[in-house]
Amino acid sequence: MENKTYQFKTNINCSGCVAVVKPHLDQAEGMGEWKVDTANKDKVLTVQSAGISEEQVMTTVQKAGYKIERLH
């Protein structure tokens, strides 16, 4: 499966928030590299997929207690 890059608008807006969501994202099956651009007004989460789907990423972030939507 080819690696895909997904981008999402979130409300993960500080390093403390990133620390809360980190274990959820790190443990998600099929997760590659990921990062949150907290300097961007849309708090963009960029995910390099190693098999994880957009829906799975969104569910993982929502379970951590944050809002997330696809960026088009």
N, C-alpha and C. Protein backbone atom coordinates (compact mmCIF):
# COMPACT_ATOMS: atom_id res chain seq x y z
N MET A 1 0.85 -1.19 0.00
CA MET A 1 0.00 0.00 0.00
C MET A 1 0.89 1.25 0.00
N GLU A 2 0.55 2.16 -0.88
CA GLU A 2 1.37 3.38 -0.94
C GLU A 2 1.07 4.28 0.25
N ASN A 3 2.09 5.00 0.66
CA ASN A 3 1.90 5.94 1.77
C ASN A 3 1.18 7.17 1.26
N LYS A 4 0.18 7.59 2.01
CA LYS A 4 -0.58 8.78 1.65
C LYS A 4 -0.38 9.82 2.74
N THR A 5 -0.57 11.08 2.34
CA THR A 5 -0.51 12.17 3.30
C THR A 5 -1.90 12.77 3.44
N TYR A 6 -2.35 12.89 4.67
CA TYR A 6 -3.66 13.49 4.96
C TYR A 6 -3.43 14.76 5.76
N GLN A 7 -4.31 15.74 5.55
CA GLN A 7 -4.25 16.95 6.36
C GLN A 7 -5.64 17.25 6.92
N PHE A 8 -5.64 17.69 8.17
CA PHE A 8 -6.88 17.96 8.88
C PHE A 8 -6.79 19.28 9.61
N LYS A 9 -7.93 19.94 9.73
CA LYS A 9 -8.05 21.14 10.57
C LYS A 9 -8.47 20.63 11.95
N THR A 10 -7.79 21.10 12.99
CA THR A 10 -8.08 20.63 14.34
C THR A 10 -8.17 21.80 15.31
N ASN A 11 -8.47 21.48 16.58
CA ASN A 11 -8.36 22.48 17.64
C ASN A 11 -7.27 22.09 18.63
N ILE A 12 -6.25 21.39 18.13
CA ILE A 12 -5.06 21.03 18.93
C ILE A 12 -4.13 22.24 18.85
N ASN A 13 -4.22 23.13 19.86
CA ASN A 13 -3.63 24.45 19.64
C ASN A 13 -2.41 24.79 20.48
N CYS A 14 -1.86 23.83 21.21
CA CYS A 14 -0.65 24.14 21.99
C CYS A 14 0.14 22.86 22.23
N SER A 15 1.33 23.01 22.75
CA SER A 15 2.17 21.83 22.98
C SER A 15 1.54 20.91 24.01
N GLY A 16 0.79 21.46 24.96
CA GLY A 16 0.10 20.63 25.95
C GLY A 16 -0.95 19.75 25.29
N CYS A 17 -1.67 20.34 24.32
CA CYS A 17 -2.69 19.57 23.58
C CYS A 17 -2.02 18.48 22.75
N VAL A 18 -0.91 18.81 22.13
CA VAL A 18 -0.17 17.83 21.33
C VAL A 18 0.25 16.67 22.24
N ALA A 19 0.69 16.98 23.46
CA ALA A 19 1.12 15.95 24.40
C ALA A 19 -0.05 15.03 24.77
N VAL A 20 -1.26 15.57 24.86
CA VAL A 20 -2.44 14.76 25.19
C VAL A 20 -2.78 13.81 24.04
N VAL A 21 -2.71 14.32 22.81
CA VAL A 21 -3.12 13.51 21.66
C VAL A 21 -2.01 12.56 21.19
N LYS A 22 -0.77 12.85 21.56
CA LYS A 22 0.38 12.08 21.09
C LYS A 22 0.26 10.57 21.34
N PRO A 23 -0.04 10.12 22.57
CA PRO A 23 -0.10 8.67 22.77
C PRO A 23 -1.19 8.01 21.92
N HIS A 24 -2.29 8.71 21.70
CA HIS A 24 -3.37 8.17 20.87
C HIS A 24 -2.89 7.98 19.43
N LEU A 25 -2.25 9.01 18.90
CA LEU A 25 -1.78 8.93 17.51
C LEU A 25 -0.61 7.96 17.37
N ASP A 26 0.29 7.97 18.34
CA ASP A 26 1.46 7.08 18.26
C ASP A 26 1.06 5.61 18.30
N GLN A 27 -0.04 5.30 18.99
CA GLN A 27 -0.46 3.90 19.13
C GLN A 27 -1.44 3.47 18.05
N ALA A 28 -1.90 4.39 17.21
CA ALA A 28 -2.88 4.05 16.17
C ALA A 28 -2.23 3.14 15.13
N GLU A 29 -2.92 2.07 14.80
CA GLU A 29 -2.39 1.11 13.84
C GLU A 29 -2.33 1.74 12.45
N GLY A 30 -1.19 1.57 11.77
CA GLY A 30 -1.04 2.12 10.43
C GLY A 30 -0.60 3.57 10.40
N MET A 31 -0.26 4.12 11.57
CA MET A 31 0.16 5.51 11.66
C MET A 31 1.64 5.63 11.31
N GLY A 32 1.95 6.55 10.41
CA GLY A 32 3.34 6.85 10.11
C GLY A 32 3.74 8.08 10.91
N GLU A 33 4.45 8.99 10.26
CA GLU A 33 4.82 10.25 10.90
C GLU A 33 3.60 11.16 10.99
N TRP A 34 3.57 12.01 11.99
CA TRP A 34 2.50 13.01 12.08
C TRP A 34 3.04 14.23 12.79
N LYS A 35 2.40 15.37 12.52
CA LYS A 35 2.77 16.60 13.23
C LYS A 35 1.59 17.56 13.20
N VAL A 36 1.56 18.44 14.19
CA VAL A 36 0.53 19.48 14.25
C VAL A 36 1.22 20.83 14.12
N ASP A 37 0.76 21.63 13.17
CA ASP A 37 1.29 22.99 13.00
C ASP A 37 0.46 23.93 13.85
N THR A 38 0.87 24.10 15.13
CA THR A 38 0.10 24.93 16.05
C THR A 38 0.23 26.42 15.72
N ALA A 39 1.18 26.80 14.87
CA ALA A 39 1.32 28.19 14.46
C ALA A 39 0.31 28.56 13.38
N ASN A 40 -0.22 27.56 12.68
CA ASN A 40 -1.21 27.79 11.63
C ASN A 40 -2.56 28.06 12.28
N LYS A 41 -3.32 29.00 11.75
CA LYS A 41 -4.62 29.33 12.36
C LYS A 41 -5.58 28.15 12.36
N ASP A 42 -5.40 27.21 11.43
CA ASP A 42 -6.26 26.03 11.36
C ASP A 42 -5.71 24.84 12.16
N LYS A 43 -4.54 25.04 12.84
CA LYS A 43 -3.94 23.97 13.66
C LYS A 43 -3.88 22.67 12.86
N VAL A 44 -3.18 22.72 11.75
CA VAL A 44 -3.20 21.63 10.77
C VAL A 44 -2.42 20.41 11.27
N LEU A 45 -3.12 19.29 11.30
CA LEU A 45 -2.51 18.00 11.59
C LEU A 45 -2.18 17.35 10.26
N THR A 46 -0.90 17.03 10.05
CA THR A 46 -0.46 16.34 8.84
C THR A 46 -0.06 14.92 9.23
N VAL A 47 -0.63 13.95 8.54
CA VAL A 47 -0.38 12.54 8.84
C VAL A 47 0.20 11.85 7.62
N GLN A 48 1.32 11.16 7.80
CA GLN A 48 1.85 10.27 6.77
C GLN A 48 1.28 8.89 7.09
N SER A 49 0.40 8.40 6.25
CA SER A 49 -0.25 7.11 6.50
C SER A 49 0.67 5.95 6.16
N ALA A 50 0.66 4.96 7.04
CA ALA A 50 1.32 3.68 6.75
C ALA A 50 0.23 2.62 6.73
N GLY A 51 -0.95 3.01 6.24
CA GLY A 51 -2.08 2.11 6.15
C GLY A 51 -3.32 2.62 6.85
N ILE A 52 -3.17 3.60 7.74
CA ILE A 52 -4.32 4.16 8.45
C ILE A 52 -5.17 4.98 7.48
N SER A 53 -6.48 4.97 7.67
CA SER A 53 -7.38 5.75 6.80
C SER A 53 -7.68 7.11 7.43
N GLU A 54 -8.20 8.02 6.62
CA GLU A 54 -8.59 9.34 7.14
C GLU A 54 -9.59 9.18 8.27
N GLU A 55 -10.57 8.29 8.09
CA GLU A 55 -11.60 8.09 9.10
C GLU A 55 -11.01 7.61 10.42
N GLN A 56 -10.02 6.71 10.32
CA GLN A 56 -9.38 6.21 11.54
C GLN A 56 -8.61 7.32 12.27
N VAL A 57 -7.96 8.19 11.50
CA VAL A 57 -7.25 9.31 12.12
C VAL A 57 -8.26 10.22 12.83
N MET A 58 -9.36 10.51 12.17
CA MET A 58 -10.36 11.40 12.75
C MET A 58 -10.95 10.79 14.03
N THR A 59 -11.25 9.51 14.00
CA THR A 59 -11.79 8.83 15.18
C THR A 59 -10.79 8.87 16.33
N THR A 60 -9.52 8.65 16.03
CA THR A 60 -8.47 8.65 17.05
C THR A 60 -8.37 10.02 17.73
N VAL A 61 -8.39 11.08 16.94
CA VAL A 61 -8.29 12.44 17.50
C VAL A 61 -9.55 12.78 18.31
N GLN A 62 -10.71 12.37 17.81
CA GLN A 62 -11.95 12.63 18.54
C GLN A 62 -11.97 11.89 19.88
N LYS A 63 -11.46 10.67 19.90
CA LYS A 63 -11.39 9.90 21.16
C LYS A 63 -10.48 10.60 22.16
N ALA A 64 -9.48 11.32 21.66
CA ALA A 64 -8.56 12.07 22.54
C ALA A 64 -9.22 13.36 23.05
N GLY A 65 -10.40 13.70 22.49
CA GLY A 65 -11.15 14.85 22.98
C GLY A 65 -11.00 16.11 22.14
N TYR A 66 -10.55 15.97 20.91
CA TYR A 66 -10.33 17.15 20.06
C TYR A 66 -11.21 17.11 18.83
N LYS A 67 -11.47 18.30 18.29
CA LYS A 67 -12.22 18.42 17.05
C LYS A 67 -11.28 18.25 15.87
N ILE A 68 -11.81 17.66 14.81
CA ILE A 68 -10.99 17.44 13.61
C ILE A 68 -11.90 17.40 12.40
N GLU A 69 -11.45 17.99 11.31
CA GLU A 69 -12.17 17.89 10.05
C GLU A 69 -11.16 17.85 8.90
N ARG A 70 -11.58 17.26 7.78
CA ARG A 70 -10.68 17.16 6.63
C ARG A 70 -10.37 18.55 6.07
N LEU A 71 -9.15 18.72 5.62
CA LEU A 71 -8.79 19.90 4.83
C LEU A 71 -8.83 19.49 3.37
N HIS A 72 -9.44 20.30 2.56
CA HIS A 72 -9.55 19.94 1.13
C HIS A 72 -8.62 20.79 0.30
